[in-house]
């Protein structure tokens, strides 16, 4: 293996550390205050850096051999980071941080005045702990633990279809619709194709990934209601623990039982 090939995985440590820094800021009140609305710009920076690395000729490799599944996993994360910027940064109508207003109007119409509401803190937690961490784990898990990537791709596909369904029902654009159409659908489908070819995953595995995405979106009102709680409770830790680690733990347990 050449020196260049040996160094390439470490070059991606820079965007990984940049993206992982924001979820870690949840550990301190100061970190939350700094990142509560600024997280989306950090995500955009991470997406830009990772995109530059990939398209400037730095291969995503495993053992020095270019790995299509690893590249597909990176594209999942990059696509979601760009989507989050359209949602919570600048949407296609030029509105800044508009999703919170749009989303709360939709929640009020669905659940009434006493229903769940988005807050800056809830948005920060859901998008970093509920998306960034699982998608980074998908890159790390790769073909060894494919359930993690399947769940990430299923989440992306479900979210894309969710944006499209809302647009069709309401007959209007919603923040995130553009990237849902041009990024989420093709990137998630491409990942499923890669994981079937590269990791030997069947249609049942793909269906499981999509089912996970559907389940997380079905639970979203509950997650929103809990995620805005200022202090960390056991219930809140359990919710985000399940969002972040269920596919990983499930795949590890499955492999252990399969060996016995």
C-alpha atoms as a PDB file:
ATOM      1  CA  UNK A   1       0.000   0.000   0.000  1.00  0.00           C
ATOM      2  CA  UNK A   2       1.406   3.393  -0.967  1.00  0.00           C
ATOM      3  CA  UNK A   3       2.034   6.193   1.507  1.00  0.00           C
ATOM      4  CA  UNK A   4      -0.767   8.203  -0.127  1.00  0.00           C
ATOM      5  CA  UNK A   5      -3.265   5.361   0.313  1.00  0.00           C
ATOM      6  CA  UNK A   6      -2.204   4.929   3.922  1.00  0.00           C
ATOM      7  CA  UNK A   7      -2.780   8.600   4.658  1.00  0.00           C
ATOM      8  CA  UNK A   8      -6.144   8.938   2.912  1.00  0.00           C
ATOM      9  CA  UNK A   9      -8.370   7.587   5.755  1.00  0.00           C
ATOM     10  CA  UNK A  10      -6.699  10.021   8.167  1.00  0.00           C
ATOM     11  CA  UNK A  11      -7.451  12.998   5.923  1.00  0.00           C
ATOM     12  CA  UNK A  12     -11.143  12.337   6.483  1.00  0.00           C
ATOM     13  CA  UNK A  13     -10.538  12.598  10.232  1.00  0.00           C
ATOM     14  CA  UNK A  14     -10.728  16.398   9.832  1.00  0.00           C
ATOM     15  CA  UNK A  15     -14.378  16.597   8.681  1.00  0.00           C
ATOM     16  CA  UNK A  16     -15.269  13.774  11.093  1.00  0.00           C
ATOM     17  CA  UNK A  17     -13.870  15.705  14.077  1.00  0.00           C
ATOM     18  CA  UNK A  18     -15.511  18.912  12.839  1.00  0.00           C
ATOM     19  CA  UNK A  19     -18.916  17.248  12.557  1.00  0.00           C
ATOM     20  CA  UNK A  20     -18.569  15.265  15.799  1.00  0.00           C
ATOM     21  CA  UNK A  21     -17.594  18.372  17.767  1.00  0.00           C
ATOM     22  CA  UNK A  22     -21.119  19.785  17.663  1.00  0.00           C
ATOM     23  CA  UNK A  23     -22.902  16.790  19.275  1.00  0.00           C
ATOM     24  CA  UNK A  24     -20.203  16.760  21.960  1.00  0.00           C
ATOM     25  CA  UNK A  25     -21.077  20.369  22.806  1.00  0.00           C
ATOM     26  CA  UNK A  26     -24.304  19.026  24.350  1.00  0.00           C
ATOM     27  CA  UNK A  27     -22.231  18.008  27.347  1.00  0.00           C
ATOM     28  CA  UNK A  28     -21.920  21.569  28.676  1.00  0.00           C
ATOM     29  CA  UNK A  29     -24.389  24.482  28.997  1.00  0.00           C
ATOM     30  CA  UNK A  30     -21.807  26.764  27.377  1.00  0.00           C
ATOM     31  CA  UNK A  31     -21.537  24.417  24.414  1.00  0.00           C
ATOM     32  CA  UNK A  32     -25.303  24.349  23.966  1.00  0.00           C
ATOM     33  CA  UNK A  33     -25.459  28.147  24.108  1.00  0.00           C
ATOM     34  CA  UNK A  34     -22.748  28.384  21.437  1.00  0.00           C
ATOM     35  CA  UNK A  35     -24.178  25.770  19.062  1.00  0.00           C
ATOM     36  CA  UNK A  36     -27.951  25.954  19.598  1.00  0.00           C
ATOM     37  CA  UNK A  37     -28.483  27.774  16.308  1.00  0.00           C
ATOM     38  CA  UNK A  38     -24.941  27.836  14.935  1.00  0.00           C
ATOM     39  CA  UNK A  39     -24.701  24.062  14.450  1.00  0.00           C
ATOM     40  CA  UNK A  40     -26.066  24.286  10.915  1.00  0.00           C
ATOM     41  CA  UNK A  41     -23.095  26.372   9.729  1.00  0.00           C
ATOM     42  CA  UNK A  42     -20.658  23.872  11.222  1.00  0.00           C
ATOM     43  CA  UNK A  43     -22.515  21.133   9.351  1.00  0.00           C
ATOM     44  CA  UNK A  44     -22.280  23.072   6.109  1.00  0.00           C
ATOM     45  CA  UNK A  45     -18.553  23.476   6.653  1.00  0.00           C
ATOM     46  CA  UNK A  46     -18.158  19.757   7.292  1.00  0.00           C
ATOM     47  CA  UNK A  47     -20.143  18.918   4.159  1.00  0.00           C
ATOM     48  CA  UNK A  48     -18.054  21.294   2.073  1.00  0.00           C
ATOM     49  CA  UNK A  49     -14.786  19.914   3.415  1.00  0.00           C
ATOM     50  CA  UNK A  50     -15.803  16.266   2.883  1.00  0.00           C
ATOM     51  CA  UNK A  51     -17.109  17.001  -0.636  1.00  0.00           C
ATOM     52  CA  UNK A  52     -13.841  18.712  -1.526  1.00  0.00           C
ATOM     53  CA  UNK A  53     -11.869  15.739  -0.223  1.00  0.00           C
ATOM     54  CA  UNK A  54     -13.858  13.233  -2.271  1.00  0.00           C
ATOM     55  CA  UNK A  55     -13.949  15.158  -5.539  1.00  0.00           C
ATOM     56  CA  UNK A  56     -10.342  16.348  -5.321  1.00  0.00           C
ATOM     57  CA  UNK A  57      -9.132  12.806  -5.857  1.00  0.00           C
ATOM     58  CA  UNK A  58      -8.841  11.520  -2.296  1.00  0.00           C
ATOM     59  CA  UNK A  59     -10.316   8.044  -2.434  1.00  0.00           C
ATOM     60  CA  UNK A  60     -12.463   6.574   0.317  1.00  0.00           C
ATOM     61  CA  UNK A  61     -10.647   3.325   0.907  1.00  0.00           C
ATOM     62  CA  UNK A  62     -10.538   0.270   3.105  1.00  0.00           C
ATOM     63  CA  UNK A  63      -7.097  -1.270   3.403  1.00  0.00           C
ATOM     64  CA  UNK A  64      -5.867   0.898   0.556  1.00  0.00           C
ATOM     65  CA  UNK A  65      -8.571  -0.378  -1.832  1.00  0.00           C
ATOM     66  CA  UNK A  66     -11.273   2.017  -2.986  1.00  0.00           C
ATOM     67  CA  UNK A  67     -14.498   1.105  -1.216  1.00  0.00           C
ATOM     68  CA  UNK A  68     -17.740   2.052  -3.027  1.00  0.00           C
ATOM     69  CA  UNK A  69     -19.801   1.393   0.101  1.00  0.00           C
ATOM     70  CA  UNK A  70     -17.638   3.740   2.198  1.00  0.00           C
ATOM     71  CA  UNK A  71     -18.027   6.437  -0.453  1.00  0.00           C
ATOM     72  CA  UNK A  72     -21.795   5.852  -0.474  1.00  0.00           C
ATOM     73  CA  UNK A  73     -21.885   6.228   3.331  1.00  0.00           C
ATOM     74  CA  UNK A  74     -20.005   9.532   3.132  1.00  0.00           C
ATOM     75  CA  UNK A  75     -22.506  10.741   0.535  1.00  0.00           C
ATOM     76  CA  UNK A  76     -25.346   9.916   2.954  1.00  0.00           C
ATOM     77  CA  UNK A  77     -23.835  12.243   5.542  1.00  0.00           C
ATOM     78  CA  UNK A  78     -22.936  14.992   3.064  1.00  0.00           C
ATOM     79  CA  UNK A  79     -26.419  14.897   1.545  1.00  0.00           C
ATOM     80  CA  UNK A  80     -28.057  15.198   4.951  1.00  0.00           C
ATOM     81  CA  UNK A  81     -25.817  18.089   6.023  1.00  0.00           C
ATOM     82  CA  UNK A  82     -26.720  20.006   2.853  1.00  0.00           C
ATOM     83  CA  UNK A  83     -30.386  19.218   3.439  1.00  0.00           C
ATOM     84  CA  UNK A  84     -30.180  20.557   6.979  1.00  0.00           C
ATOM     85  CA  UNK A  85     -28.786  23.828   5.658  1.00  0.00           C
ATOM     86  CA  UNK A  86     -31.783  24.236   3.350  1.00  0.00           C
ATOM     87  CA  UNK A  87     -34.095  23.394   6.263  1.00  0.00           C
ATOM     88  CA  UNK A  88     -32.521  25.391   9.071  1.00  0.00           C
ATOM     89  CA  UNK A  89     -30.111  27.745   7.355  1.00  0.00           C
ATOM     90  CA  UNK A  90     -31.244  29.352   4.118  1.00  0.00           C
ATOM     91  CA  UNK A  91     -34.155  27.885   2.170  1.00  0.00           C
ATOM     92  CA  UNK A  92     -34.835  28.235  -1.551  1.00  0.00           C
ATOM     93  CA  UNK A  93     -36.940  31.378  -0.980  1.00  0.00           C
ATOM     94  CA  UNK A  94     -34.051  33.047   0.845  1.00  0.00           C
ATOM     95  CA  UNK A  95     -35.660  32.753   4.279  1.00  0.00           C
ATOM     96  CA  UNK A  96     -33.224  32.305   7.168  1.00  0.00           C
ATOM     97  CA  UNK A  97     -33.947  29.648   9.824  1.00  0.00           C
ATOM     98  CA  UNK A  98     -37.545  29.409   8.634  1.00  0.00           C
ATOM     99  CA  UNK A  99     -38.220  25.733   9.309  1.00  0.00           C
ATOM    100  CA  UNK A 100     -39.025  26.293  12.983  1.00  0.00           C
ATOM    101  CA  UNK A 101     -41.885  28.614  12.018  1.00  0.00           C
ATOM    102  CA  UNK A 102     -43.121  26.349   9.235  1.00  0.00           C
ATOM    103  CA  UNK A 103     -42.799  23.187  11.317  1.00  0.00           C
ATOM    104  CA  UNK A 104     -44.652  24.664  14.307  1.00  0.00           C
ATOM    105  CA  UNK A 105     -47.501  25.757  12.046  1.00  0.00           C
ATOM    106  CA  UNK A 106     -47.773  22.174  10.776  1.00  0.00           C
ATOM    107  CA  UNK A 107     -47.670  20.778  14.318  1.00  0.00           C
ATOM    108  CA  UNK A 108     -50.367  23.215  15.463  1.00  0.00           C
ATOM    109  CA  UNK A 109     -52.615  22.182  12.571  1.00  0.00           C
ATOM    110  CA  UNK A 110     -52.064  18.496  13.344  1.00  0.00           C
ATOM    111  CA  UNK A 111     -52.050  18.402  17.153  1.00  0.00           C
ATOM    112  CA  UNK A 112     -53.724  21.648  18.208  1.00  0.00           C
ATOM    113  CA  UNK A 113     -52.459  24.293  20.586  1.00  0.00           C
ATOM    114  CA  UNK A 114     -51.512  21.795  23.276  1.00  0.00           C
ATOM    115  CA  UNK A 115     -49.361  19.676  20.965  1.00  0.00           C
ATOM    116  CA  UNK A 116     -45.577  19.462  20.657  1.00  0.00           C
ATOM    117  CA  UNK A 117     -43.604  22.462  19.414  1.00  0.00           C
ATOM    118  CA  UNK A 118     -40.154  22.865  17.941  1.00  0.00           C
ATOM    119  CA  UNK A 119     -37.635  24.918  19.893  1.00  0.00           C
ATOM    120  CA  UNK A 120     -34.061  25.887  19.051  1.00  0.00           C
ATOM    121  CA  UNK A 121     -32.828  23.295  21.546  1.00  0.00           C
ATOM    122  CA  UNK A 122     -35.063  20.530  20.164  1.00  0.00           C
ATOM    123  CA  UNK A 123     -33.906  21.228  16.605  1.00  0.00           C
ATOM    124  CA  UNK A 124     -30.271  21.222  17.693  1.00  0.00           C
ATOM    125  CA  UNK A 125     -30.581  17.939  19.558  1.00  0.00           C
ATOM    126  CA  UNK A 126     -32.615  16.110  16.922  1.00  0.00           C
ATOM    127  CA  UNK A 127     -30.402  17.124  14.008  1.00  0.00           C
ATOM    128  CA  UNK A 128     -27.053  16.498  15.665  1.00  0.00           C
ATOM    129  CA  UNK A 129     -27.644  13.627  18.080  1.00  0.00           C
ATOM    130  CA  UNK A 130     -30.414  12.039  16.012  1.00  0.00           C
ATOM    131  CA  UNK A 131     -28.723  12.449  12.604  1.00  0.00           C
ATOM    132  CA  UNK A 132     -25.026  13.324  12.773  1.00  0.00           C
ATOM    133  CA  UNK A 133     -24.039  10.626  15.260  1.00  0.00           C
ATOM    134  CA  UNK A 134     -25.903   7.737  13.528  1.00  0.00           C
ATOM    135  CA  UNK A 135     -24.633   8.806  10.100  1.00  0.00           C
ATOM    136  CA  UNK A 136     -21.046   9.008  11.364  1.00  0.00           C
ATOM    137  CA  UNK A 137     -21.531   5.555  12.877  1.00  0.00           C
ATOM    138  CA  UNK A 138     -22.703   4.335   9.455  1.00  0.00           C
ATOM    139  CA  UNK A 139     -19.383   5.467   7.952  1.00  0.00           C
ATOM    140  CA  UNK A 140     -17.472   3.691  10.716  1.00  0.00           C
ATOM    141  CA  UNK A 141     -19.574   0.501  10.647  1.00  0.00           C
ATOM    142  CA  UNK A 142     -19.389  -0.006   6.882  1.00  0.00           C
ATOM    143  CA  UNK A 143     -19.790  -3.563   5.660  1.00  0.00           C
ATOM    144  CA  UNK A 144     -18.893  -5.014   9.076  1.00  0.00           C
ATOM    145  CA  UNK A 145     -22.191  -3.890  10.638  1.00  0.00           C
ATOM    146  CA  UNK A 146     -24.412  -2.996   7.666  1.00  0.00           C
ATOM    147  CA  UNK A 147     -27.574  -2.429   9.709  1.00  0.00           C
ATOM    148  CA  UNK A 148     -26.215   0.966  10.765  1.00  0.00           C
ATOM    149  CA  UNK A 149     -25.903   2.193   7.179  1.00  0.00           C
ATOM    150  CA  UNK A 150     -29.232   0.625   6.229  1.00  0.00           C
ATOM    151  CA  UNK A 151     -30.934   2.559   9.031  1.00  0.00           C
ATOM    152  CA  UNK A 152     -29.246   5.805   7.967  1.00  0.00           C
ATOM    153  CA  UNK A 153     -30.276   5.321   4.336  1.00  0.00           C
ATOM    154  CA  UNK A 154     -33.791   4.377   5.451  1.00  0.00           C
ATOM    155  CA  UNK A 155     -33.997   7.533   7.538  1.00  0.00           C
ATOM    156  CA  UNK A 156     -32.869   9.622   4.564  1.00  0.00           C
ATOM    157  CA  UNK A 157     -35.334   8.012   2.160  1.00  0.00           C
ATOM    158  CA  UNK A 158     -38.235   8.321   4.610  1.00  0.00           C
ATOM    159  CA  UNK A 159     -37.440  11.961   5.350  1.00  0.00           C
ATOM    160  CA  UNK A 160     -37.263  12.746   1.643  1.00  0.00           C
ATOM    161  CA  UNK A 161     -40.644  11.116   1.007  1.00  0.00           C
ATOM    162  CA  UNK A 162     -42.014  12.946   4.069  1.00  0.00           C
ATOM    163  CA  UNK A 163     -41.020  16.328   2.615  1.00  0.00           C
ATOM    164  CA  UNK A 164     -42.536  15.409  -0.750  1.00  0.00           C
ATOM    165  CA  UNK A 165     -45.789  14.200   0.841  1.00  0.00           C
ATOM    166  CA  UNK A 166     -46.157  17.441   2.832  1.00  0.00           C
ATOM    167  CA  UNK A 167     -45.556  19.480  -0.331  1.00  0.00           C
ATOM    168  CA  UNK A 168     -48.220  17.522  -2.229  1.00  0.00           C
ATOM    169  CA  UNK A 169     -50.769  17.739   0.594  1.00  0.00           C
ATOM    170  CA  UNK A 170     -50.235  21.460   1.200  1.00  0.00           C
ATOM    171  CA  UNK A 171     -49.563  22.363  -2.423  1.00  0.00           C
ATOM    172  CA  UNK A 172     -46.513  24.428  -1.469  1.00  0.00           C
ATOM    173  CA  UNK A 173     -42.773  24.359  -0.969  1.00  0.00           C
ATOM    174  CA  UNK A 174     -41.447  23.437   2.464  1.00  0.00           C
ATOM    175  CA  UNK A 175     -37.878  24.086   3.694  1.00  0.00           C
ATOM    176  CA  UNK A 176     -35.811  21.058   2.720  1.00  0.00           C
ATOM    177  CA  UNK A 177     -37.938  19.977  -0.258  1.00  0.00           C
ATOM    178  CA  UNK A 178     -35.310  20.842  -2.874  1.00  0.00           C
ATOM    179  CA  UNK A 179     -32.550  18.707  -1.370  1.00  0.00           C
ATOM    180  CA  UNK A 180     -35.062  15.962  -0.560  1.00  0.00           C
ATOM    181  CA  UNK A 181     -35.798  15.675  -4.281  1.00  0.00           C
ATOM    182  CA  UNK A 182     -32.353  16.090  -5.804  1.00  0.00           C
ATOM    183  CA  UNK A 183     -30.220  14.506  -3.049  1.00  0.00           C
ATOM    184  CA  UNK A 184     -32.183  12.270  -0.685  1.00  0.00           C
ATOM    185  CA  UNK A 185     -33.926  10.023  -3.183  1.00  0.00           C
ATOM    186  CA  UNK A 186     -30.952   9.248  -5.454  1.00  0.00           C
ATOM    187  CA  UNK A 187     -28.350   9.039  -2.647  1.00  0.00           C
ATOM    188  CA  UNK A 188     -30.409   6.707  -0.443  1.00  0.00           C
ATOM    189  CA  UNK A 189     -31.353   4.451  -3.366  1.00  0.00           C
ATOM    190  CA  UNK A 190     -27.707   4.360  -4.486  1.00  0.00           C
ATOM    191  CA  UNK A 191     -26.670   3.362  -0.965  1.00  0.00           C
ATOM    192  CA  UNK A 192     -29.149   0.490  -0.929  1.00  0.00           C
ATOM    193  CA  UNK A 193     -27.786  -0.688  -4.265  1.00  0.00           C
ATOM    194  CA  UNK A 194     -24.215  -0.494  -2.970  1.00  0.00           C
ATOM    195  CA  UNK A 195     -24.923  -2.279   0.299  1.00  0.00           C
ATOM    196  CA  UNK A 196     -26.659  -5.103  -1.562  1.00  0.00           C
ATOM    197  CA  UNK A 197     -23.753  -5.476  -3.963  1.00  0.00           C
ATOM    198  CA  UNK A 198     -20.842  -4.854  -1.591  1.00  0.00           C
ATOM    199  CA  UNK A 199     -22.117  -6.351   1.674  1.00  0.00           C
ATOM    200  CA  UNK A 200     -24.448  -9.054   0.377  1.00  0.00           C
ATOM    201  CA  UNK A 201     -27.530  -7.542   2.025  1.00  0.00           C
ATOM    202  CA  UNK A 202     -30.850  -8.786   0.673  1.00  0.00           C
ATOM    203  CA  UNK A 203     -34.156  -7.037   0.132  1.00  0.00           C
ATOM    204  CA  UNK A 204     -35.199  -7.938   3.677  1.00  0.00           C
ATOM    205  CA  UNK A 205     -32.294  -5.894   5.030  1.00  0.00           C
ATOM    206  CA  UNK A 206     -33.231  -2.931   2.857  1.00  0.00           C
ATOM    207  CA  UNK A 207     -36.843  -3.234   4.047  1.00  0.00           C
ATOM    208  CA  UNK A 208     -35.576  -3.229   7.632  1.00  0.00           C
ATOM    209  CA  UNK A 209     -33.655  -0.008   7.022  1.00  0.00           C
ATOM    210  CA  UNK A 210     -36.715   1.659   5.540  1.00  0.00           C
ATOM    211  CA  UNK A 211     -38.850   0.363   8.427  1.00  0.00           C
ATOM    212  CA  UNK A 212     -36.440   1.966  10.894  1.00  0.00           C
ATOM    213  CA  UNK A 213     -36.757   5.278   9.040  1.00  0.00           C
ATOM    214  CA  UNK A 214     -40.561   5.055   9.095  1.00  0.00           C
ATOM    215  CA  UNK A 215     -40.555   4.220  12.813  1.00  0.00           C
ATOM    216  CA  UNK A 216     -38.317   7.160  13.729  1.00  0.00           C
ATOM    217  CA  UNK A 217     -40.523   9.565  11.782  1.00  0.00           C
ATOM    218  CA  UNK A 218     -43.680   8.117  13.362  1.00  0.00           C
ATOM    219  CA  UNK A 219     -42.135   8.841  16.779  1.00  0.00           C
ATOM    220  CA  UNK A 220     -41.043  12.335  15.775  1.00  0.00           C
ATOM    221  CA  UNK A 221     -43.841  14.206  17.642  1.00  0.00           C
ATOM    222  CA  UNK A 222     -42.816  12.441  20.872  1.00  0.00           C
ATOM    223  CA  UNK A 223     -39.146  13.147  20.194  1.00  0.00           C
ATOM    224  CA  UNK A 224     -39.893  16.824  19.536  1.00  0.00           C
ATOM    225  CA  UNK A 225     -41.852  17.127  22.781  1.00  0.00           C
ATOM    226  CA  UNK A 226     -39.036  15.594  24.819  1.00  0.00           C
ATOM    227  CA  UNK A 227     -36.081  17.148  22.977  1.00  0.00           C
ATOM    228  CA  UNK A 228     -36.986  20.678  24.058  1.00  0.00           C
ATOM    229  CA  UNK A 229     -36.624  19.796  27.749  1.00  0.00           C
ATOM    230  CA  UNK A 230     -33.758  21.932  29.124  1.00  0.00           C
ATOM    231  CA  UNK A 231     -32.283  19.309  31.461  1.00  0.00           C
ATOM    232  CA  UNK A 232     -31.358  15.758  30.581  1.00  0.00           C
ATOM    233  CA  UNK A 233     -33.741  13.200  32.057  1.00  0.00           C
ATOM    234  CA  UNK A 234     -33.563   9.415  31.937  1.00  0.00           C
ATOM    235  CA  UNK A 235     -36.428   9.425  29.421  1.00  0.00           C
ATOM    236  CA  UNK A 236     -34.589  11.856  27.148  1.00  0.00           C
ATOM    237  CA  UNK A 237     -31.361   9.823  27.345  1.00  0.00           C
ATOM    238  CA  UNK A 238     -33.267   6.647  26.449  1.00  0.00           C
ATOM    239  CA  UNK A 239     -34.945   8.297  23.453  1.00  0.00           C
ATOM    240  CA  UNK A 240     -31.717   9.578  21.944  1.00  0.00           C
ATOM    241  CA  UNK A 241     -29.868   6.413  22.891  1.00  0.00           C
ATOM    242  CA  UNK A 242     -32.397   4.416  20.870  1.00  0.00           C
ATOM    243  CA  UNK A 243     -32.146   6.812  17.912  1.00  0.00           C
ATOM    244  CA  UNK A 244     -28.358   6.714  17.872  1.00  0.00           C
ATOM    245  CA  UNK A 245     -27.497   3.133  18.763  1.00  0.00           C
ATOM    246  CA  UNK A 246     -30.407   0.729  18.078  1.00  0.00           C
ATOM    247  CA  UNK A 247     -29.172  -0.433  14.634  1.00  0.00           C
ATOM    248  CA  UNK A 248     -25.586  -0.763  15.901  1.00  0.00           C
ATOM    249  CA  UNK A 249     -26.498  -2.744  19.023  1.00  0.00           C
ATOM    250  CA  UNK A 250     -28.993  -4.855  17.079  1.00  0.00           C
ATOM    251  CA  UNK A 251     -26.413  -5.779  14.458  1.00  0.00           C
ATOM    252  CA  UNK A 252     -23.775  -6.624  17.094  1.00  0.00           C
ATOM    253  CA  UNK A 253     -26.219  -8.869  18.968  1.00  0.00           C
ATOM    254  CA  UNK A 254     -27.312 -10.519  15.716  1.00  0.00           C
ATOM    255  CA  UNK A 255     -23.714 -11.316  14.784  1.00  0.00           C
ATOM    256  CA  UNK A 256     -22.983 -12.749  18.234  1.00  0.00           C
ATOM    257  CA  UNK A 257     -26.002 -15.065  18.106  1.00  0.00           C
ATOM    258  CA  UNK A 258     -25.206 -16.008  14.523  1.00  0.00           C
ATOM    259  CA  UNK A 259     -21.777 -17.284  15.573  1.00  0.00           C
ATOM    260  CA  UNK A 260     -23.198 -19.518  18.290  1.00  0.00           C
END
